Protein backbone atom coordinates (compact mmCIF):
# COMPACT_ATOMS: atom_id res chain seq x y z
CA MET A 1 60.64 88.88 110.37
CA ALA A 2 59.03 92.20 112.23
CA ASP A 3 61.59 94.92 112.90
CA THR A 4 60.65 94.30 116.64
CA ASP A 5 62.40 90.89 116.20
CA PHE A 6 65.87 93.04 116.00
CA ASP A 7 68.03 94.82 118.28
CA TYR A 8 69.30 97.01 115.15
CA ASP A 9 68.70 97.60 111.62
CA LEU A 10 72.26 97.89 110.75
CA PHE A 11 75.16 96.40 113.24
CA VAL A 12 79.02 97.39 112.29
CA ILE A 13 81.94 95.44 113.27
CA GLY A 14 85.01 97.93 113.46
CA THR A 15 85.29 101.11 114.24
CA GLY A 16 87.87 101.92 111.92
CA PRO A 17 87.27 104.49 108.61
CA GLY A 18 85.20 101.69 107.26
CA GLY A 19 83.02 101.10 110.30
CA GLU A 20 82.60 104.80 110.97
CA GLY A 21 81.55 105.78 107.51
CA ALA A 22 79.08 102.98 107.51
CA ALA A 23 77.28 103.80 110.91
CA MET A 24 77.50 107.46 110.57
CA GLN A 25 75.84 107.43 107.25
CA ALA A 26 73.17 104.42 108.29
CA ARG A 27 72.33 106.54 111.52
CA LYS A 28 71.91 109.80 109.55
CA GLY A 29 69.51 107.79 107.66
CA GLY A 30 67.45 107.36 110.52
CA LEU A 31 68.42 103.44 111.23
CA ARG A 32 68.82 101.89 114.73
CA VAL A 33 72.59 101.17 114.62
CA GLY A 34 75.04 99.90 116.90
CA ILE A 35 78.69 99.05 116.79
CA ALA A 36 81.14 96.61 118.54
CA GLU A 37 84.88 97.09 119.04
CA ARG A 38 87.46 94.63 120.03
CA TYR A 39 90.11 96.88 120.83
CA ARG A 40 90.22 99.12 124.13
CA GLN A 41 89.74 102.17 122.33
CA ILE A 42 87.50 102.95 119.11
CA GLY A 43 89.59 103.93 115.75
CA GLY A 44 90.86 100.73 114.32
CA GLY A 45 94.32 100.16 113.52
CA CYS A 46 94.34 103.31 111.35
CA THR A 47 94.26 105.54 114.58
CA HIS A 48 96.35 103.16 117.05
CA TRP A 49 99.12 101.88 114.94
CA GLY A 50 98.86 102.86 111.28
CA THR A 51 97.85 105.67 109.46
CA ILE A 52 97.79 108.29 112.34
CA PRO A 53 100.89 107.38 114.46
CA SER A 54 102.97 106.67 111.64
CA LYS A 55 102.25 110.04 109.70
CA ALA A 56 102.37 111.86 113.10
CA LEU A 57 106.00 110.26 113.60
CA ARG A 58 106.69 111.54 109.61
CA TYR A 59 105.81 115.00 110.44
CA THR A 60 107.97 115.10 113.64
CA ILE A 61 111.22 113.49 111.85
CA THR A 62 110.55 116.00 109.01
CA ASN A 63 110.33 119.17 110.80
CA THR A 64 113.06 118.02 113.26
CA MET A 65 115.67 117.68 110.69
CA ASN A 66 114.75 120.57 108.72
CA VAL A 67 115.40 122.35 111.77
CA LEU A 68 118.76 120.84 112.46
CA LYS A 69 119.77 120.91 109.12
CA ASN A 70 118.97 124.98 109.20
CA PRO A 71 122.41 126.88 108.45
CA VAL A 72 121.52 129.18 111.13
CA PHE A 73 121.06 126.54 113.85
CA ARG A 74 124.40 124.82 112.24
CA GLU A 75 126.21 128.63 113.01
CA LEU A 76 124.72 128.74 116.40
CA GLY A 77 126.93 125.48 117.22
CA ILE A 78 123.65 123.42 118.03
CA HIS A 79 124.17 119.81 116.92
CA ALA A 80 121.72 117.20 118.48
CA SER A 81 120.57 113.51 117.65
CA PRO A 82 116.63 113.12 118.81
CA THR A 83 115.58 109.59 120.43
CA MET A 84 113.11 107.72 118.82
CA GLU A 85 111.32 108.25 122.49
CA GLN A 86 111.71 112.04 121.91
CA LEU A 87 110.37 111.69 117.95
CA ARG A 88 107.33 109.78 119.17
CA ARG A 89 106.77 111.99 122.15
CA GLY A 90 103.41 114.04 120.34
CA THR A 91 102.00 111.02 118.53
CA ALA A 92 100.23 109.59 121.82
CA GLU A 93 98.34 113.16 122.50
CA ILE A 94 97.28 113.21 118.60
CA ILE A 95 95.93 109.70 118.75
CA ALA A 96 94.17 110.59 122.09
CA LYS A 97 92.67 113.98 120.47
CA GLN A 98 91.40 111.29 117.72
CA VAL A 99 89.78 109.10 120.08
CA THR A 100 87.99 111.65 121.87
CA MET A 101 87.03 113.05 118.36
CA ARG A 102 85.55 110.35 117.23
CA GLN A 103 84.13 108.71 120.34
CA SER A 104 81.85 112.28 120.36
CA PHE A 105 80.38 111.22 116.81
CA TYR A 106 78.91 108.06 118.19
CA ASP A 107 77.80 110.03 121.43
CA ARG A 108 76.40 112.83 119.75
CA ASN A 109 74.40 110.25 116.90
CA ASN A 110 73.19 108.03 119.84
CA VAL A 111 75.42 105.08 118.46
CA PRO A 112 76.22 102.22 121.07
CA ILE A 113 79.75 100.76 120.94
CA TYR A 114 80.35 97.41 122.31
CA PHE A 115 83.53 96.56 123.36
CA GLY A 116 84.75 93.38 122.71
CA HIS A 117 85.33 90.61 120.07
CA ALA A 118 81.93 89.89 117.94
CA ARG A 119 81.83 86.86 116.49
CA PHE A 120 78.79 85.64 114.29
CA ILE A 121 76.14 83.18 115.49
CA ASP A 122 74.00 82.95 112.47
CA GLU A 123 73.03 85.28 109.63
CA HIS A 124 71.35 87.70 111.80
CA THR A 125 73.06 87.52 115.39
CA VAL A 126 76.46 88.07 116.91
CA GLU A 127 78.08 87.22 120.05
CA ILE A 128 80.21 89.60 121.84
CA GLU A 129 82.77 88.31 123.91
CA ASN A 130 81.14 89.08 127.45
CA GLY A 131 78.30 86.62 126.20
CA GLU A 132 75.68 89.50 125.39
CA THR A 133 73.96 88.41 121.70
CA ILE A 134 72.80 91.20 119.41
CA ARG A 135 70.52 90.17 116.77
CA SER A 136 70.33 92.77 113.30
CA LYS A 137 68.66 93.01 110.20
CA ALA A 138 71.87 94.03 108.37
CA PHE A 139 75.52 93.88 109.30
CA VAL A 140 78.73 95.91 107.55
CA ILE A 141 82.66 93.82 108.47
CA SER A 142 85.16 96.36 108.79
CA THR A 143 87.75 94.49 111.13
CA GLY A 144 90.96 95.70 108.71
CA ALA A 145 94.04 94.13 108.22
CA ARG A 146 97.15 93.10 109.65
CA PRO A 147 100.83 92.36 108.59
CA TYR A 148 100.80 89.08 106.97
CA ARG A 149 103.55 86.94 109.35
CA PRO A 150 105.06 84.05 107.45
CA PRO A 151 105.52 81.24 110.12
CA GLU A 152 108.99 80.34 109.23
CA VAL A 153 110.18 84.52 110.45
CA ASP A 154 110.44 84.73 114.48
CA PHE A 155 108.69 88.06 114.93
CA ASP A 156 109.17 87.55 118.69
CA HIS A 157 113.15 88.42 118.04
CA PRO A 158 113.63 91.85 119.46
CA ARG A 159 115.13 93.21 116.53
CA ILE A 160 112.21 91.53 113.84
CA PHE A 161 109.45 93.95 113.66
CA ASP A 162 106.46 94.37 111.26
CA SER A 163 104.61 97.61 110.26
CA ASP A 164 102.69 97.49 113.75
CA THR A 165 105.45 96.98 115.89
CA ILE A 166 108.16 99.07 114.44
CA LEU A 167 106.65 102.44 115.84
CA GLY A 168 107.43 101.07 119.49
CA LEU A 169 111.11 100.78 118.28
CA ALA A 170 113.12 101.72 121.48
CA GLU A 171 116.21 102.84 120.05
CA LYS A 172 117.40 104.12 116.60
CA PRO A 173 119.31 102.03 114.99
CA SER A 174 122.01 102.50 112.77
CA SER A 175 120.97 100.19 109.85
CA ILE A 176 117.42 98.67 108.70
CA THR A 177 116.55 95.91 106.24
CA ILE A 178 113.15 96.50 105.20
CA TYR A 179 111.79 93.63 103.21
CA GLY A 180 108.96 94.41 100.92
CA ALA A 181 108.79 97.73 98.66
CA GLY A 182 105.16 98.54 98.50
CA VAL A 183 103.75 101.59 100.11
CA VAL A 184 104.54 100.38 103.80
CA GLY A 185 108.19 99.75 102.61
CA THR A 186 108.83 103.06 100.72
CA GLU A 187 107.35 105.12 103.78
CA TYR A 188 109.43 103.55 106.25
CA ALA A 189 112.70 103.83 104.00
CA SER A 190 112.58 107.58 103.80
CA MET A 191 111.31 107.98 107.30
CA PHE A 192 114.11 106.31 108.90
CA ARG A 193 116.47 107.75 106.46
CA ASN A 194 115.80 110.90 106.74
CA ILE A 195 117.09 110.40 110.62
CA GLY A 196 120.43 109.10 109.46
CA VAL A 197 119.81 105.30 109.34
CA LYS A 198 121.46 103.11 106.40
CA ILE A 199 118.40 101.64 104.52
CA ASN A 200 118.68 98.10 102.65
CA LEU A 201 114.98 98.04 100.53
CA VAL A 202 114.37 94.79 99.06
CA ASN A 203 111.96 94.69 96.63
CA THR A 204 110.38 91.00 95.21
CA ARG A 205 109.40 93.02 92.06
CA GLY A 206 110.98 94.64 89.12
CA LYS A 207 110.12 98.27 90.10
CA LEU A 208 109.16 100.60 92.94
CA LEU A 209 105.02 100.92 93.36
CA GLU A 210 104.51 99.59 89.70
CA PHE A 211 100.80 100.92 90.07
CA LEU A 212 101.85 104.33 90.07
CA ASP A 213 102.78 106.71 86.80
CA ASP A 214 106.25 105.10 85.90
CA GLU A 215 107.92 108.70 85.81
CA ILE A 216 107.06 109.22 89.48
CA VAL A 217 108.24 105.90 89.97
CA ASP A 218 111.48 106.76 88.67
CA ALA A 219 111.56 109.89 90.41
CA LEU A 220 111.48 108.18 93.41
CA SER A 221 113.65 105.81 92.73
CA TYR A 222 116.15 108.20 91.84
CA HIS A 223 115.58 110.67 95.13
CA LEU A 224 115.69 107.33 97.62
CA ARG A 225 119.34 106.53 96.01
CA ASP A 226 120.37 109.84 95.94
CA GLN A 227 119.63 109.95 99.38
CA GLY A 228 121.48 106.83 100.21
CA VAL A 229 118.67 104.22 100.43
CA VAL A 230 119.95 101.18 98.81
CA ILE A 231 117.32 99.50 96.28
CA ARG A 232 117.84 95.84 95.55
CA HIS A 233 114.84 94.14 93.01
CA ASN A 234 113.62 91.05 92.21
CA GLU A 235 114.83 89.48 94.99
CA THR A 236 113.06 86.80 97.22
CA PHE A 237 113.65 85.97 100.90
CA GLU A 238 114.95 82.27 101.74
CA ARG A 239 115.37 82.48 105.55
CA ILE A 240 115.81 85.11 107.86
CA GLU A 241 118.41 84.55 110.95
CA GLY A 242 117.78 86.81 113.89
CA GLN A 243 121.16 87.47 116.26
CA ASP A 244 122.24 88.91 119.26
CA ASP A 245 123.51 91.74 117.45
CA GLY A 246 121.50 92.25 114.42
CA VAL A 247 119.53 90.37 111.69
CA VAL A 248 120.85 88.56 108.63
CA LEU A 249 118.23 88.15 105.78
CA HIS A 250 119.36 85.45 103.52
CA LEU A 251 118.06 85.81 99.67
CA GLN A 252 117.31 83.21 97.41
CA SER A 253 120.03 84.72 94.79
CA GLY A 254 122.37 83.86 97.70
CA LYS A 255 123.03 87.53 98.92
CA GLN A 256 123.16 87.91 102.75
CA ILE A 257 122.37 91.17 104.23
CA LYS A 258 123.19 92.01 107.70
CA THR A 259 121.61 95.29 109.62
CA ASP A 260 120.57 96.07 113.19
CA VAL A 261 117.33 95.40 112.68
CA LEU A 262 114.72 94.05 110.15
CA LEU A 263 111.41 95.20 109.18
CA TRP A 264 109.10 92.99 107.18
CA ALA A 265 106.64 95.16 104.92
CA ASN A 266 105.24 92.03 102.68
CA GLY A 267 101.84 91.46 102.57
CA ARG A 268 98.92 91.88 104.88
CA THR A 269 96.04 89.83 105.84
CA GLY A 270 92.51 90.40 106.65
CA ASN A 271 91.20 90.19 110.12
CA THR A 272 88.48 87.40 109.50
CA ASP A 273 89.54 84.91 112.07
CA ASP A 274 86.96 83.75 114.31
CA LEU A 275 84.76 85.71 113.61
CA GLY A 276 81.98 83.04 113.07
CA LEU A 277 82.08 83.09 109.32
CA GLU A 278 81.79 79.04 108.70
CA ASN A 279 78.38 79.85 110.54
CA ILE A 280 76.96 81.81 107.69
CA GLY A 281 78.38 80.57 104.65
CA LEU A 282 81.12 83.34 103.77
CA VAL A 283 84.60 81.82 102.79
CA PRO A 284 87.36 84.26 103.20
CA ASN A 285 90.27 84.14 100.44
CA SER A 286 93.61 82.92 100.78
CA ARG A 287 94.76 86.54 102.49
CA GLY A 288 91.60 86.49 104.82
CA GLN A 289 89.84 89.26 102.67
CA LEU A 290 86.51 88.95 101.94
CA ASP A 291 84.75 89.15 98.49
CA VAL A 292 82.02 91.84 97.76
CA ASP A 293 80.57 93.15 94.59
CA ASP A 294 80.04 96.45 93.60
CA GLN A 295 77.78 97.57 96.64
CA PHE A 296 80.31 96.03 98.80
CA GLN A 297 78.04 93.48 99.54
CA THR A 298 79.29 89.63 100.63
CA ALA A 299 77.94 86.33 99.23
CA LYS A 300 75.11 87.15 101.81
CA GLU A 301 72.91 90.35 100.58
CA HIS A 302 72.32 91.79 103.64
CA ILE A 303 75.98 91.13 105.42
CA TYR A 304 78.10 94.00 103.81
CA ALA A 305 82.34 94.23 103.78
CA VAL A 306 84.43 97.57 103.36
CA GLY A 307 87.83 98.31 104.06
CA ASP A 308 91.14 96.59 104.34
CA VAL A 309 89.37 93.49 105.19
CA ILE A 310 88.32 93.42 101.29
CA GLY A 311 91.84 94.20 99.94
CA TYR A 312 92.89 97.01 97.66
CA PRO A 313 93.25 99.94 97.87
CA SER A 314 93.88 99.66 101.65
CA LEU A 315 93.43 103.39 102.23
CA ALA A 316 91.98 104.81 105.22
CA SER A 317 90.28 107.35 103.04
CA ALA A 318 88.53 104.76 100.72
CA ALA A 319 87.71 102.71 103.49
CA TYR A 320 85.38 105.63 104.87
CA THR A 321 83.87 106.14 101.14
CA GLN A 322 83.11 102.08 101.38
CA GLY A 323 81.82 102.35 104.39
CA ARG A 324 79.37 105.39 103.79
CA ALA A 325 78.48 103.73 100.16
CA ALA A 326 77.26 100.63 102.35
CA GLY A 327 75.58 102.72 104.87
CA MET A 328 73.76 104.36 101.41
CA HIS A 329 72.86 100.94 100.12
CA VAL A 330 71.11 99.43 103.47
CA LEU A 331 69.13 102.71 103.38
CA GLY A 332 67.90 101.99 99.83
CA ARG A 333 69.89 104.51 97.98
CA LYS A 334 71.37 102.22 95.00
CA ASP A 335 72.20 104.90 92.74
CA GLY A 336 76.27 104.60 93.00
CA ASN A 337 76.18 108.73 93.75
CA LEU A 338 79.67 108.31 95.80
CA ARG A 339 82.82 108.24 93.82
CA VAL A 340 84.25 104.95 95.15
CA ASN A 341 86.13 104.45 92.04
CA ASP A 342 87.57 107.68 91.94
CA LEU A 343 90.23 107.46 94.41
CA PRO A 344 93.41 109.40 95.11
CA THR A 345 96.54 107.93 96.21
CA GLY A 346 98.49 109.32 98.66
CA ILE A 347 102.12 107.86 99.82
CA TYR A 348 103.88 109.30 102.41
CA THR A 349 107.20 109.01 101.24
CA SER A 350 109.64 112.57 101.38
CA PRO A 351 108.57 113.66 99.21
CA GLU A 352 104.89 112.45 99.07
CA ILE A 353 103.39 110.98 96.03
CA SER A 354 99.94 111.62 94.75
CA SER A 355 97.74 110.89 91.97
CA VAL A 356 94.29 110.29 90.56
CA GLY A 357 93.02 108.87 87.64
CA GLN A 358 94.85 107.40 84.68
CA THR A 359 98.66 106.83 83.73
CA GLU A 360 100.02 107.51 80.68
CA ARG A 361 100.98 103.36 80.81
CA GLU A 362 97.32 102.74 80.83
CA LEU A 363 96.07 105.57 78.45
CA THR A 364 98.61 104.12 75.69
CA GLU A 365 97.27 100.64 75.99
CA ALA A 366 93.92 101.91 75.43
CA CYS A 367 94.72 103.88 72.90
CA VAL A 368 93.38 107.09 73.99
CA PRO A 369 95.13 110.53 72.27
CA TYR A 370 96.47 112.26 75.47
CA GLU A 371 98.88 115.18 75.71
CA VAL A 372 101.53 115.71 78.86
CA GLY A 373 101.89 118.76 81.02
CA GLN A 374 104.81 119.07 83.17
CA SER A 375 105.83 121.74 86.22
CA GLN A 376 108.95 121.23 88.11
CA PHE A 377 109.24 122.21 91.57
CA LYS A 378 112.15 123.81 91.35
CA SER A 379 111.20 126.45 89.20
CA LEU A 380 108.61 127.48 91.53
CA ALA A 381 109.01 130.61 93.62
CA ARG A 382 107.35 128.70 96.56
CA ALA A 383 109.21 125.62 96.50
CA GLN A 384 112.32 127.55 96.23
CA ILE A 385 111.33 129.61 99.40
CA MET A 386 110.44 126.36 101.39
CA GLY A 387 113.71 124.60 100.04
CA THR A 388 111.43 122.25 98.72
CA THR A 389 112.25 121.97 95.23
CA VAL A 390 112.59 118.70 94.79
CA GLY A 391 109.52 117.23 92.62
CA MET A 392 107.14 117.33 90.23
CA LEU A 393 103.28 117.96 88.86
CA LYS A 394 101.82 116.35 85.55
CA ILE A 395 99.20 116.43 84.15
CA LEU A 396 97.29 114.10 81.25
CA PHE A 397 94.64 115.13 79.56
CA HIS A 398 92.87 114.44 75.81
CA ARG A 399 94.26 116.02 73.00
CA ASP A 400 90.69 116.86 71.74
CA THR A 401 88.70 117.68 74.78
CA LEU A 402 91.14 118.91 76.82
CA LYS A 403 89.47 116.85 79.55
CA ILE A 404 91.71 115.89 82.58
CA LEU A 405 92.48 112.42 82.45
CA GLY A 406 95.02 111.95 85.19
CA VAL A 407 97.05 114.15 87.73
CA HIS A 408 100.35 112.52 89.20
CA CYS A 409 101.81 114.72 91.78
CA PHE A 410 105.98 114.10 93.41
CA GLY A 411 106.78 116.65 96.21
CA ALA A 412 105.76 118.61 99.09
CA ASN A 413 102.04 118.63 99.76
CA ALA A 414 101.45 116.33 96.99
CA SER A 415 98.61 114.80 99.15
CA GLU A 416 96.76 118.03 98.67
CA ILE A 417 97.70 119.54 96.22
CA VAL A 418 96.16 116.48 93.65
CA HIS A 419 92.72 117.37 95.09
CA ILE A 420 92.95 120.77 92.66
CA GLY A 421 93.11 118.54 89.96
CA GLN A 422 90.70 115.57 90.77
CA ALA A 423 88.12 118.32 91.29
CA VAL A 424 88.62 119.53 87.94
CA MET A 425 88.89 116.27 86.32
CA ASP A 426 85.37 115.38 87.84
CA SER A 427 83.53 118.34 86.57
CA LYS A 428 81.40 117.96 83.29
CA ASP A 429 82.21 121.41 82.35
CA LEU A 430 85.98 122.01 83.14
CA ASN A 431 89.21 121.26 81.38
CA LEU A 432 92.60 121.69 80.88
CA GLU A 433 91.78 125.58 79.88
CA TYR A 434 90.52 126.18 83.81
CA PHE A 435 94.09 125.93 84.72
CA ILE A 436 95.16 128.22 81.97
CA GLU A 437 92.35 131.07 82.48
CA THR A 438 92.56 130.83 86.51
CA THR A 439 94.68 132.99 88.52
CA PHE A 440 96.45 131.10 91.48
CA ASN A 441 97.55 133.08 94.46
CA TYR A 442 101.47 133.70 94.02
CA PRO A 443 103.84 132.33 95.86
CA THR A 444 101.86 128.88 95.76
CA MET A 445 102.46 125.38 95.30
CA ALA A 446 99.15 125.17 93.83
CA GLU A 447 100.48 127.52 90.82
CA ALA A 448 102.32 124.30 89.54
CA TYR A 449 98.61 123.53 87.83
CA ARG A 450 98.94 126.73 85.59
CA VAL A 451 102.86 126.24 84.86
CA ALA A 452 102.30 122.29 83.91
CA ALA A 453 98.84 123.38 82.07
CA LEU A 454 100.52 125.97 79.64
CA ASN A 455 103.18 123.30 79.34
CA GLY A 456 100.80 120.50 77.71
CA TYR A 457 98.61 123.19 75.56
CA ASN A 458 102.07 124.58 73.90
CA ARG A 459 102.49 121.00 72.93
CA LEU A 460 99.42 121.06 70.84
CA PHE A 461 100.70 123.42 68.28
């Protein structure tokens, strides 16, 4: 077909990070691009009920509690217990700023936004819910995901929440059961424990966050328990009983856990409902996710899918990079020049966890001769000054070439610190010696790299 038979070269469904990345990349490359958004504002779940609001609340909680625990304020007789409404107060303003900023991207680049649910009519046509039809040569599906809701759990009960609804909690409960100890579950466990809520963290597996480095996982588990979080491993729910004064979680092991509220944080489902996929021959898997190849193409080569709708790693940062990669592929750039597989993990527990590259477990299984360099935050002057001495930086490097193989960090500002190691790991010319030879500002948290590098280098002799 001729280009004149199409309204757009690329049409994107969903304005979250993945959709934005695809739309902007394709538009910068000169393509005609349009985008659809079914919510009343752009930004997707990341902006409105996921990453941004939860991290904004976490930041407020952390800062507020640090102030209230400060000995100076205690000496002044200042004792306060902020309400959930007070803690959430700045979140709406941050979301509004994000929406305004992202709207400007589309405006400046002349990318029209169609508000309303989009549904495929055929392989090159979608219909917006207002009845308007749009034809495009290619599509990117970036519809995100939502919390998995088992039919036997009553999410209409006022004391039963999922990760999309927990941020609307009217009052601070005295106790919470969190079912599911993945990234979402552990982040909320940290967050609510920091404001004095009693936490039962129920894990369906044998360890927390098994994809992380074992030593980092052990440190997180110890720290959570040290804060008073009760962690229960290898448990599976039998039923959830909502009551007037609380929620009882009945476990298959026979245990019964009653708390004021329950947060269901076990699994997510891709938003592929009513997309008209049956009209184009695409079938999502049992989790509602779409399968894609290395170029993010579905079984239909002109239809791409990126972000949470394709599953792992389900990170906003990854979704944006995937969207850009899909946009580049539509433009004909197929050299894989984006680092779509070199993704850092950022987990916003208290303190943070971040890692990039391989773990010790993976290197051992692959029989790679590696060595470890460590730095404990308690020995860093900057950490002592800030009162954030819990944590460590761990560098994994090849014994022979000294190339960086993995960086794992647990502690304050971990999600920022990790990028220094990521840059060196990705470099063709740099290795462990870079950290030994480089002068770091003092006192800084980044100085941990020099300490860890020297620690590891000394193990070689």
